[in-house]
Amino acid sequence: MCSAEPINCFPMLVNILSNTFLRLFNSTARIRIWSEPFYSTQSPEIKIDIFFICLSYMIILAAGLPPHFAVSSMEDYKVKIMH
């Protein structure tokens, strides 16, 4: 009925319980649920835009991390910190 991931099992559990209670009260209605945890886009232009936004963020992040460690190391050297 569902995979082992909790994000998929909880909606299925709610659906099973809801339909069971409806049958107990002699109702002919049924409840259907679906789970789409991630925003999906069908347009390739949007996917390309999202890719380039993430890529530029990662490049900026990668460019900023090494100087941070170098400055931290130099500050340790100045105050003569022993590890």
C-alpha atoms as a PDB file:
ATOM      1  CA  MET A   1       0.000   0.000   0.000  1.00  0.00           C
ATOM      2  CA  CYS A   2       2.818   2.417   0.727  1.00  0.00           C
ATOM      3  CA  SER A   3       6.570   2.575   0.719  1.00  0.00           C
ATOM      4  CA  ALA A   4       8.638   2.613   3.882  1.00  0.00           C
ATOM      5  CA  GLU A   5       9.004   6.392   3.822  1.00  0.00           C
ATOM      6  CA  PRO A   6       6.892   8.198   6.444  1.00  0.00           C
ATOM      7  CA  ILE A   7       5.982  10.971   4.005  1.00  0.00           C
ATOM      8  CA  ASN A   8       4.057   8.412   1.942  1.00  0.00           C
ATOM      9  CA  CYS A   9       2.696   6.210   4.733  1.00  0.00           C
ATOM     10  CA  PHE A  10       0.894   8.869   6.759  1.00  0.00           C
ATOM     11  CA  PRO A  11      -1.493   9.975   3.980  1.00  0.00           C
ATOM     12  CA  MET A  12      -2.241   6.320   3.197  1.00  0.00           C
ATOM     13  CA  LEU A  13      -2.954   5.598   6.860  1.00  0.00           C
ATOM     14  CA  VAL A  14      -5.322   8.568   7.070  1.00  0.00           C
ATOM     15  CA  ASN A  15      -7.073   7.402   3.900  1.00  0.00           C
ATOM     16  CA  ILE A  16      -7.527   3.850   5.182  1.00  0.00           C
ATOM     17  CA  LEU A  17      -8.848   5.038   8.549  1.00  0.00           C
ATOM     18  CA  SER A  18     -11.195   7.596   6.983  1.00  0.00           C
ATOM     19  CA  ASN A  19     -12.676   5.099   4.555  1.00  0.00           C
ATOM     20  CA  THR A  20     -13.046   2.532   7.351  1.00  0.00           C
ATOM     21  CA  PHE A  21     -15.024   5.000   9.468  1.00  0.00           C
ATOM     22  CA  LEU A  22     -17.185   5.900   6.475  1.00  0.00           C
ATOM     23  CA  ARG A  23     -18.009   2.226   5.905  1.00  0.00           C
ATOM     24  CA  LEU A  24     -18.796   1.755   9.598  1.00  0.00           C
ATOM     25  CA  PHE A  25     -21.429   4.475   9.346  1.00  0.00           C
ATOM     26  CA  ASN A  26     -22.914   2.921   6.170  1.00  0.00           C
ATOM     27  CA  SER A  27     -21.802   5.700   3.874  1.00  0.00           C
ATOM     28  CA  THR A  28     -21.256   5.158   0.170  1.00  0.00           C
ATOM     29  CA  ALA A  29     -18.833   8.074  -0.092  1.00  0.00           C
ATOM     30  CA  ARG A  30     -15.130   7.444  -0.388  1.00  0.00           C
ATOM     31  CA  ILE A  31     -12.179   9.674   0.353  1.00  0.00           C
ATOM     32  CA  ARG A  32      -9.249   9.764  -2.025  1.00  0.00           C
ATOM     33  CA  ILE A  33      -5.924  11.295  -1.152  1.00  0.00           C
ATOM     34  CA  TRP A  34      -2.671  11.833  -2.951  1.00  0.00           C
ATOM     35  CA  SER A  35       0.691  13.043  -1.856  1.00  0.00           C
ATOM     36  CA  GLU A  36       3.054  15.136  -3.926  1.00  0.00           C
ATOM     37  CA  PRO A  37       5.752  16.241  -1.494  1.00  0.00           C
ATOM     38  CA  PHE A  38       7.930  18.001  -4.064  1.00  0.00           C
ATOM     39  CA  TYR A  39       6.898  20.802  -6.366  1.00  0.00           C
ATOM     40  CA  SER A  40       6.911  19.395  -9.879  1.00  0.00           C
ATOM     41  CA  THR A  41       7.246  21.462 -13.000  1.00  0.00           C
ATOM     42  CA  GLN A  42       6.542  20.303 -16.494  1.00  0.00           C
ATOM     43  CA  SER A  43       8.143  23.259 -18.218  1.00  0.00           C
ATOM     44  CA  PRO A  44      11.802  22.684 -19.199  1.00  0.00           C
ATOM     45  CA  GLU A  45      12.496  26.441 -19.041  1.00  0.00           C
ATOM     46  CA  ILE A  46      11.596  26.536 -15.354  1.00  0.00           C
ATOM     47  CA  LYS A  47      13.761  23.495 -14.657  1.00  0.00           C
ATOM     48  CA  ILE A  48      16.710  25.153 -16.400  1.00  0.00           C
ATOM     49  CA  ASP A  49      16.150  28.371 -14.429  1.00  0.00           C
ATOM     50  CA  ILE A  50      16.034  26.470 -11.133  1.00  0.00           C
ATOM     51  CA  PHE A  51      19.201  24.586 -12.097  1.00  0.00           C
ATOM     52  CA  PHE A  52      21.120  27.787 -12.851  1.00  0.00           C
ATOM     53  CA  ILE A  53      19.922  29.466  -9.660  1.00  0.00           C
ATOM     54  CA  CYS A  54      21.131  26.480  -7.608  1.00  0.00           C
ATOM     55  CA  LEU A  55      24.383  26.315  -9.576  1.00  0.00           C
ATOM     56  CA  SER A  56      25.153  30.001  -9.035  1.00  0.00           C
ATOM     57  CA  TYR A  57      24.366  29.664  -5.323  1.00  0.00           C
ATOM     58  CA  MET A  58      26.748  26.717  -5.026  1.00  0.00           C
ATOM     59  CA  ILE A  59      29.501  28.587  -6.893  1.00  0.00           C
ATOM     60  CA  ILE A  60      29.161  31.603  -4.597  1.00  0.00           C
ATOM     61  CA  LEU A  61      29.158  29.319  -1.566  1.00  0.00           C
ATOM     62  CA  ALA A  62      32.219  27.416  -2.800  1.00  0.00           C
ATOM     63  CA  ALA A  63      34.060  30.677  -3.473  1.00  0.00           C
ATOM     64  CA  GLY A  64      33.347  32.017   0.008  1.00  0.00           C
ATOM     65  CA  LEU A  65      34.268  29.016   2.150  1.00  0.00           C
ATOM     66  CA  PRO A  66      38.069  28.715   1.609  1.00  0.00           C
ATOM     67  CA  PRO A  67      38.799  32.336   2.628  1.00  0.00           C
ATOM     68  CA  HIS A  68      36.714  31.807   5.754  1.00  0.00           C
ATOM     69  CA  PHE A  69      38.889  28.874   6.827  1.00  0.00           C
ATOM     70  CA  ALA A  70      42.078  30.745   5.925  1.00  0.00           C
ATOM     71  CA  VAL A  71      41.099  33.784   8.025  1.00  0.00           C
ATOM     72  CA  SER A  72      40.165  31.535  10.916  1.00  0.00           C
ATOM     73  CA  SER A  73      43.519  29.778  10.695  1.00  0.00           C
ATOM     74  CA  MET A  74      45.411  33.087  10.595  1.00  0.00           C
ATOM     75  CA  GLU A  75      43.539  34.363  13.671  1.00  0.00           C
ATOM     76  CA  ASP A  76      44.490  31.173  15.507  1.00  0.00           C
ATOM     77  CA  TYR A  77      48.114  31.708  14.493  1.00  0.00           C
ATOM     78  CA  LYS A  78      48.086  35.324  15.716  1.00  0.00           C
ATOM     79  CA  VAL A  79      46.858  34.424  19.186  1.00  0.00           C
ATOM     80  CA  LYS A  80      49.017  31.261  19.222  1.00  0.00           C
ATOM     81  CA  ILE A  81      46.219  28.773  19.866  1.00  0.00           C
ATOM     82  CA  MET A  82      47.361  25.195  20.356  1.00  0.00           C
ATOM     83  CA  HIS A  83      45.052  22.423  19.190  1.00  0.00           C
END
